[in-house]
Amino acid sequence: MKKVAFVANSEWYLDNFRKSTIEYFLSKHVQVFCLYPKNGDGELSDLGVRHVKFTMSPAGTSLYFELFSFICVFLSILRVRPDVLFSFNPKTNLYSLICCWVLRVKCVVNVSGLGAASQLSGIKGFFYRQLSSFFYRKASYIFFQNSDDYHQLNKAGVIKVGAADVIPGSGVDLNRFHPVARPEAETTFLMAARLITQKGVYEYVEAAKNLNGECCSFLLAGVPDSSERAVDANFIKNLDGSEGVKFLGHVRDMPSLLTKVDCVVLPSYYPEGIPKVLIEALSSGKIIITTNTPGCRETVDDEVNGYLVSPRCSASLATAMLKVCRLGEKDKKEMMNRSRRLAEEKYDENIVIGKYWRLFEVLSD
């Protein structure tokens, strides 16, 4: 039986972003291994996969601890020895590429944004970029989630000819996320993201304050983060709705939550691939407000199905949100319909799953 490994920086990532792909591989009678840090924050459903856990901090930068983490990843891959390994997230991509090069395992990485590590400065940043530049050339194949990242790495000369493709993020289940008619009532906004500063949480709350008095409401859903990038816990704790923003915590049932909102907001200035929440919002027929940055802007045709705003600018965000508040019912529905059409045309998860499976067949032959 052929073996495939999926490697990510958390169990939560594999469960939320790659579950459908994993299920498809299992349906083809492939032995599936899921490798992730043992201190991950998620519950990967028992699908009949083999779980291999290792020690790693997704956001850690200590050279000594990272060396130890690399050894743990190496031993995990050595234990599995898959025919093909699929990796996600910047740090696991680099570690997997090095390990697979040594072990002569075929490695496919997914560039879901260049990640925080690409923004490191000093000797650590230099070391990371040199290693990445060398080992990305060793990849059996590279999937990119947006064209900006593809062109940046292609210009840097790290992509082998014919060994890369741009795919529509992680895709979305068009049947699970679908439009549901909402009653004509006050406009409801939702931001759903990991609670890190670079996702634009502070800007979202500030923009909501600026719209105080308008006929609209604001929701925030998010996964807590324990790194130095985390939004202050007291800031989140004090969001009791009195300033217009209601904090929902971590919401697992996103299809249900999306039926209760009109517009999804992501004011991110984090290096994104294509944010999953924006694809889910498109499929659910929601208006999108996001930043004019790589990965985010792919989901918006400005003033057609949403609005692009300047990063780190709560005033620009508030202006766009005010436009949504003041849309007539006919214009609002038309923008929502355009979002759904965009999801159907570009982001069906079957496109992504098909590309992974066909590549596996070629590489494992």
Protein backbone atom coordinates (compact mmCIF):
# COMPACT_ATOMS: atom_id res chain seq x y z
CA MET A 1 0.00 0.00 0.00
CA LYS A 2 1.32 3.44 -0.93
CA LYS A 3 1.98 5.91 1.86
CA VAL A 4 1.42 9.67 1.99
CA ALA A 5 2.25 12.08 4.80
CA PHE A 6 0.61 15.43 5.53
CA VAL A 7 2.76 17.71 7.71
CA ALA A 8 1.56 20.97 9.29
CA ASN A 9 2.31 23.26 12.23
CA SER A 10 -0.82 22.18 14.12
CA GLU A 11 -3.45 19.49 14.31
CA TRP A 12 -6.02 22.27 14.00
CA TYR A 13 -4.63 23.25 10.59
CA LEU A 14 -4.95 19.75 9.14
CA ASP A 15 -8.44 19.32 10.57
CA ASN A 16 -9.75 22.68 9.36
CA PHE A 17 -7.92 23.08 6.05
CA ARG A 18 -7.00 19.62 4.73
CA LYS A 19 -9.65 17.25 6.06
CA SER A 20 -11.39 16.83 2.69
CA THR A 21 -8.10 16.10 0.93
CA ILE A 22 -7.17 13.54 3.59
CA GLU A 23 -10.58 11.87 3.26
CA TYR A 24 -10.15 11.65 -0.51
CA PHE A 25 -6.75 9.97 -0.20
CA LEU A 26 -8.21 7.48 2.29
CA SER A 27 -11.01 6.69 -0.19
CA LYS A 28 -8.31 5.73 -2.69
CA HIS A 29 -6.89 3.18 -0.22
CA VAL A 30 -3.70 5.09 0.47
CA GLN A 31 -2.09 4.80 3.90
CA VAL A 32 -2.27 8.32 5.35
CA PHE A 33 -0.01 9.74 8.07
CA CYS A 34 -0.66 13.11 9.73
CA LEU A 35 2.40 14.72 11.31
CA TYR A 36 2.02 17.74 13.59
CA PRO A 37 3.30 19.23 16.91
CA LYS A 38 2.07 17.35 19.96
CA ASN A 39 1.13 20.60 21.68
CA GLY A 40 -1.24 21.52 18.85
CA ASP A 41 -4.64 23.06 19.45
CA GLY A 42 -7.22 21.00 17.63
CA GLU A 43 -9.01 17.71 17.29
CA LEU A 44 -8.21 15.93 14.07
CA SER A 45 -11.19 13.66 13.49
CA ASP A 46 -10.50 9.96 13.69
CA LEU A 47 -10.58 9.21 9.99
CA GLY A 48 -8.39 6.14 10.09
CA VAL A 49 -5.12 8.03 9.67
CA ARG A 50 -1.87 7.36 11.54
CA HIS A 51 -0.94 10.21 13.89
CA VAL A 52 2.72 11.10 14.39
CA LYS A 53 3.41 13.94 16.81
CA PHE A 54 6.64 15.87 17.22
CA THR A 55 7.97 18.76 19.29
CA MET A 56 7.89 22.18 17.62
CA SER A 57 6.78 25.72 18.34
CA PRO A 58 5.15 27.18 15.19
CA ALA A 59 6.28 30.72 16.06
CA GLY A 60 9.50 29.93 17.97
CA THR A 61 12.82 31.47 16.92
CA SER A 62 15.32 30.14 19.51
CA LEU A 63 18.15 28.54 17.54
CA TYR A 64 18.72 25.80 20.12
CA PHE A 65 15.05 24.87 20.34
CA GLU A 66 14.65 25.02 16.56
CA LEU A 67 17.55 22.60 16.14
CA PHE A 68 15.83 20.24 18.55
CA SER A 69 12.53 20.70 16.68
CA PHE A 70 14.20 19.93 13.38
CA ILE A 71 15.62 16.69 14.78
CA CYS A 72 12.12 15.74 16.00
CA VAL A 73 10.64 16.39 12.56
CA PHE A 74 13.47 14.43 10.94
CA LEU A 75 12.89 11.40 13.16
CA SER A 76 9.13 11.55 12.49
CA ILE A 77 9.61 11.51 8.72
CA LEU A 78 12.27 8.80 9.02
CA ARG A 79 9.78 6.69 10.98
CA VAL A 80 7.08 7.05 8.31
CA ARG A 81 9.17 7.02 5.11
CA PRO A 82 6.22 8.04 2.87
CA ASP A 83 6.19 7.76 -0.90
CA VAL A 84 5.22 11.44 -1.02
CA LEU A 85 5.13 14.06 1.71
CA PHE A 86 2.84 17.11 1.50
CA SER A 87 3.83 19.99 3.76
CA PHE A 88 2.03 23.20 4.74
CA ASN A 89 3.07 26.36 6.65
CA PRO A 90 6.45 28.11 6.26
CA LYS A 91 8.41 26.45 9.09
CA THR A 92 7.23 22.90 8.43
CA ASN A 93 7.87 23.48 4.73
CA LEU A 94 11.53 24.30 5.33
CA TYR A 95 12.10 21.50 7.83
CA SER A 96 10.32 18.97 5.61
CA LEU A 97 12.33 20.00 2.56
CA ILE A 98 15.63 19.52 4.40
CA CYS A 99 14.57 16.18 5.88
CA CYS A 100 13.21 14.85 2.60
CA TRP A 101 16.34 15.91 0.73
CA VAL A 102 18.47 13.91 3.17
CA LEU A 103 16.10 10.92 3.21
CA ARG A 104 15.40 11.00 -0.55
CA VAL A 105 11.66 11.38 -0.01
CA LYS A 106 9.59 13.29 -2.57
CA CYS A 107 8.40 16.51 -0.95
CA VAL A 108 5.63 18.86 -2.09
CA VAL A 109 5.22 22.14 -0.21
CA ASN A 110 2.27 24.50 -0.11
CA VAL A 111 3.15 28.20 0.13
CA SER A 112 0.17 29.52 2.08
CA GLY A 113 1.71 32.97 2.39
CA LEU A 114 5.38 33.56 3.07
CA GLY A 115 4.71 33.69 6.82
CA ALA A 116 6.11 35.65 9.73
CA ALA A 117 9.51 33.96 9.37
CA SER A 118 10.02 35.79 6.06
CA GLN A 119 9.92 39.06 8.02
CA LEU A 120 12.69 38.11 10.45
CA SER A 121 15.61 40.53 10.58
CA GLY A 122 19.28 40.15 11.54
CA ILE A 123 21.24 36.91 11.46
CA LYS A 124 18.13 34.76 12.01
CA GLY A 125 16.37 36.34 9.03
CA PHE A 126 19.45 35.96 6.84
CA PHE A 127 19.92 32.33 7.87
CA TYR A 128 16.25 31.51 7.24
CA ARG A 129 16.19 33.13 3.80
CA GLN A 130 19.40 31.43 2.68
CA LEU A 131 18.16 28.01 3.76
CA SER A 132 14.75 28.59 2.16
CA SER A 133 16.27 29.77 -1.11
CA PHE A 134 18.45 26.66 -1.35
CA PHE A 135 15.97 24.00 -0.26
CA TYR A 136 12.90 25.30 -2.11
CA ARG A 137 14.90 24.49 -5.24
CA LYS A 138 14.95 20.88 -4.03
CA ALA A 139 11.16 20.58 -3.78
CA SER A 140 9.52 17.96 -5.97
CA TYR A 141 6.71 20.45 -6.54
CA ILE A 142 5.45 23.72 -5.05
CA PHE A 143 1.82 24.77 -4.74
CA PHE A 144 1.22 28.50 -4.32
CA GLN A 145 -2.04 29.98 -3.03
CA ASN A 146 -1.63 33.33 -4.74
CA SER A 147 0.20 34.66 -7.77
CA ASP A 148 2.12 37.33 -5.82
CA ASP A 149 4.06 34.72 -3.84
CA TYR A 150 4.63 32.68 -7.00
CA HIS A 151 6.10 35.62 -8.90
CA GLN A 152 8.25 36.64 -5.92
CA LEU A 153 9.88 33.22 -5.56
CA ASN A 154 10.07 32.71 -9.32
CA LYS A 155 11.91 36.02 -9.67
CA ALA A 156 14.28 34.89 -6.93
CA GLY A 157 15.03 31.80 -9.01
CA VAL A 158 13.94 29.20 -6.48
CA ILE A 159 11.30 27.48 -8.65
CA LYS A 160 12.23 24.67 -11.01
CA VAL A 161 10.66 24.88 -14.48
CA GLY A 162 7.40 22.93 -14.59
CA ALA A 163 7.46 22.20 -10.86
CA ALA A 164 5.00 24.77 -9.52
CA ASP A 165 1.36 25.75 -9.80
CA VAL A 166 -0.99 28.36 -8.33
CA ILE A 167 -4.07 26.79 -6.73
CA PRO A 168 -7.19 28.45 -5.24
CA GLY A 169 -6.12 28.38 -1.60
CA SER A 170 -7.38 25.32 0.24
CA GLY A 171 -10.70 25.49 -1.62
CA VAL A 172 -14.16 25.33 -0.09
CA ASP A 173 -17.00 22.81 0.10
CA LEU A 174 -19.66 24.58 -2.00
CA ASN A 175 -22.40 22.37 -0.58
CA ARG A 176 -21.49 22.91 3.07
CA PHE A 177 -21.05 26.66 2.66
CA HIS A 178 -23.99 28.02 0.72
CA PRO A 179 -26.13 31.18 0.74
CA VAL A 180 -29.06 31.35 3.15
CA ALA A 181 -31.64 34.12 2.86
CA ARG A 182 -31.47 36.68 5.67
CA PRO A 183 -34.29 38.93 6.84
CA GLU A 184 -34.01 42.64 6.16
CA ALA A 185 -32.51 43.86 9.42
CA GLU A 186 -29.46 45.73 10.66
CA THR A 187 -26.23 44.86 8.85
CA THR A 188 -24.05 42.40 10.77
CA PHE A 189 -20.28 42.23 10.31
CA LEU A 190 -18.03 39.32 11.27
CA MET A 191 -14.28 39.04 11.68
CA ALA A 192 -13.08 35.47 12.24
CA ALA A 193 -9.35 34.83 12.58
CA ARG A 194 -6.55 33.77 14.85
CA LEU A 195 -6.18 36.43 17.50
CA ILE A 196 -2.84 37.84 16.42
CA THR A 197 -2.11 41.52 15.92
CA GLN A 198 -1.24 41.20 12.23
CA LYS A 199 -4.71 39.90 11.40
CA GLY A 200 -6.02 43.41 12.07
CA VAL A 201 -8.05 42.74 15.23
CA TYR A 202 -7.31 46.14 16.75
CA GLU A 203 -8.19 47.91 13.50
CA TYR A 204 -11.49 46.04 13.30
CA VAL A 205 -12.51 47.03 16.84
CA GLU A 206 -11.45 50.64 16.26
CA ALA A 207 -13.48 50.82 13.04
CA ALA A 208 -16.51 49.42 14.85
CA LYS A 209 -16.20 52.18 17.46
CA ASN A 210 -16.09 54.76 14.67
CA LEU A 211 -19.42 53.47 13.36
CA ASN A 212 -21.15 53.77 16.71
CA GLY A 213 -24.68 54.99 16.05
CA GLU A 214 -25.04 53.33 12.66
CA CYS A 215 -27.63 50.60 12.25
CA CYS A 216 -25.18 47.68 12.32
CA SER A 217 -23.60 45.15 14.69
CA PHE A 218 -20.17 43.56 14.94
CA LEU A 219 -18.99 40.05 15.79
CA LEU A 220 -15.47 38.76 16.46
CA ALA A 221 -14.63 35.07 16.48
CA GLY A 222 -11.13 33.79 17.00
CA VAL A 223 -8.64 31.20 18.11
CA PRO A 224 -6.36 32.39 20.94
CA ASP A 225 -2.65 32.57 20.23
CA SER A 226 0.15 32.13 22.77
CA SER A 227 3.00 33.70 20.79
CA GLU A 228 4.40 37.20 21.02
CA ARG A 229 2.10 38.11 18.12
CA ALA A 230 -1.02 37.50 20.21
CA VAL A 231 -3.67 40.16 20.77
CA ASP A 232 -3.68 41.18 24.43
CA ALA A 233 -5.92 38.80 26.39
CA ASN A 234 -7.35 41.62 28.52
CA PHE A 235 -8.30 43.52 25.38
CA ILE A 236 -10.34 40.54 24.20
CA LYS A 237 -11.79 39.92 27.66
CA ASN A 238 -13.15 43.47 27.80
CA LEU A 239 -15.06 43.09 24.53
CA ASP A 240 -18.46 42.62 26.12
CA GLY A 241 -20.46 44.20 23.34
CA SER A 242 -20.74 47.56 25.07
CA GLU A 243 -18.60 49.15 22.34
CA GLY A 244 -20.43 47.40 19.55
CA VAL A 245 -18.22 44.31 19.24
CA LYS A 246 -19.37 40.94 20.59
CA PHE A 247 -16.65 38.32 21.11
CA LEU A 248 -17.74 34.76 20.30
CA GLY A 249 -14.56 32.84 21.06
CA HIS A 250 -13.60 29.89 18.88
CA VAL A 251 -16.53 28.88 16.67
CA ARG A 252 -16.39 25.42 15.11
CA ASP A 253 -19.66 25.63 13.18
CA MET A 254 -18.70 28.28 10.65
CA PRO A 255 -21.50 27.49 8.14
CA SER A 256 -24.09 28.25 10.82
CA LEU A 257 -22.32 31.42 11.97
CA LEU A 258 -22.09 32.76 8.43
CA THR A 259 -25.87 32.52 8.01
CA LYS A 260 -26.16 35.22 10.69
CA VAL A 261 -24.00 37.88 9.03
CA ASP A 262 -24.01 40.03 5.91
CA CYS A 263 -20.35 40.96 5.56
CA VAL A 264 -17.07 39.26 6.51
CA VAL A 265 -14.13 41.49 7.37
CA LEU A 266 -10.44 40.57 7.44
CA PRO A 267 -8.13 43.60 7.74
CA SER A 268 -5.02 41.40 7.68
CA TYR A 269 -1.48 42.59 7.04
CA TYR A 270 -0.08 39.13 7.78
CA PRO A 271 1.60 37.30 4.84
CA GLU A 272 -1.44 35.27 3.74
CA GLY A 273 -1.95 32.57 1.13
CA ILE A 274 -5.68 32.91 0.52
CA PRO A 275 -7.48 33.10 3.87
CA LYS A 276 -9.87 30.21 4.35
CA VAL A 277 -12.48 32.38 6.07
CA LEU A 278 -12.73 34.63 3.00
CA ILE A 279 -13.28 31.67 0.68
CA GLU A 280 -15.95 30.31 3.02
CA ALA A 281 -17.56 33.75 3.08
CA LEU A 282 -17.59 33.89 -0.72
CA SER A 283 -19.23 30.49 -0.93
CA SER A 284 -21.81 31.58 1.66
CA GLY A 285 -22.64 34.63 -0.44
CA LYS A 286 -21.25 37.34 1.84
CA ILE A 287 -19.88 40.77 1.05
CA ILE A 288 -16.11 40.86 1.68
CA ILE A 289 -14.02 43.66 3.15
CA THR A 290 -10.30 42.95 3.27
CA THR A 291 -6.95 44.58 2.72
CA ASN A 292 -5.33 45.22 -0.63
CA THR A 293 -2.53 42.74 0.12
CA PRO A 294 -1.37 39.45 -1.48
CA GLY A 295 -3.76 36.59 -0.81
CA CYS A 296 -6.55 38.76 0.54
CA ARG A 297 -7.19 40.83 -2.58
CA GLU A 298 -7.73 37.71 -4.71
CA THR A 299 -11.16 37.31 -3.11
CA VAL A 300 -12.51 40.77 -3.92
CA ASP A 301 -13.50 42.53 -7.10
CA ASP A 302 -13.50 46.01 -5.59
CA GLU A 303 -16.99 47.54 -5.33
CA VAL A 304 -18.44 44.47 -7.08
CA ASN A 305 -18.55 41.83 -4.33
CA GLY A 306 -16.81 43.84 -1.63
CA TYR A 307 -14.23 46.49 -0.84
CA LEU A 308 -10.44 46.60 -0.60
CA VAL A 309 -8.97 48.77 2.15
CA SER A 310 -5.54 49.98 3.18
CA PRO A 311 -3.70 47.76 5.68
CA ARG A 312 -3.26 49.03 9.26
CA CYS A 313 -5.82 51.77 8.65
CA SER A 314 -8.97 51.68 10.78
CA ALA A 315 -10.29 54.82 9.05
CA SER A 316 -10.16 53.15 5.62
CA LEU A 317 -11.83 50.09 7.11
CA ALA A 318 -14.58 52.14 8.76
CA THR A 319 -15.31 53.91 5.46
CA ALA A 320 -15.79 50.59 3.66
CA MET A 321 -17.97 49.22 6.45
CA LEU A 322 -20.11 52.35 6.35
CA LYS A 323 -20.65 51.79 2.61
CA VAL A 324 -21.97 48.30 3.36
CA CYS A 325 -24.25 49.65 6.10
CA ARG A 326 -25.81 52.12 3.66
CA LEU A 327 -26.29 49.72 0.75
CA GLY A 328 -29.82 49.33 -0.50
CA GLU A 329 -31.29 45.84 -0.25
CA LYS A 330 -31.08 45.28 -4.02
CA ASP A 331 -27.40 46.30 -4.24
CA LYS A 332 -26.54 44.27 -1.16
CA LYS A 333 -28.09 41.12 -2.63
CA GLU A 334 -26.33 41.66 -5.95
CA MET A 335 -22.93 41.91 -4.23
CA MET A 336 -23.69 38.74 -2.28
CA ASN A 337 -24.66 36.89 -5.46
CA ARG A 338 -21.41 37.94 -7.09
CA SER A 339 -19.45 36.50 -4.16
CA ARG A 340 -21.14 33.14 -4.57
CA ARG A 341 -20.47 33.12 -8.31
CA LEU A 342 -16.79 33.84 -7.68
CA ALA A 343 -16.59 30.89 -5.27
CA GLU A 344 -18.22 28.59 -7.83
CA GLU A 345 -15.88 29.73 -10.60
CA LYS A 346 -12.56 29.67 -8.72
CA TYR A 347 -12.61 28.10 -5.27
CA ASP A 348 -14.34 24.71 -5.42
CA GLU A 349 -12.27 22.43 -3.15
CA ASN A 350 -12.53 19.63 -5.72
CA ILE A 351 -10.12 21.61 -7.90
CA VAL A 352 -7.51 21.55 -5.12
CA ILE A 353 -8.10 17.91 -4.15
CA GLY A 354 -7.80 16.84 -7.79
CA LYS A 355 -4.45 18.58 -8.20
CA TYR A 356 -3.06 16.93 -5.08
CA TRP A 357 -4.24 13.48 -6.11
CA ARG A 358 -2.95 13.70 -9.68
CA LEU A 359 0.43 14.89 -8.44
CA PHE A 360 0.60 12.05 -5.90
CA GLU A 361 -0.12 9.52 -8.66
CA VAL A 362 2.75 10.91 -10.76
CA LEU A 363 5.31 11.19 -7.95
CA SER A 364 4.52 7.85 -6.32
CA ASP A 365 4.53 5.87 -9.56
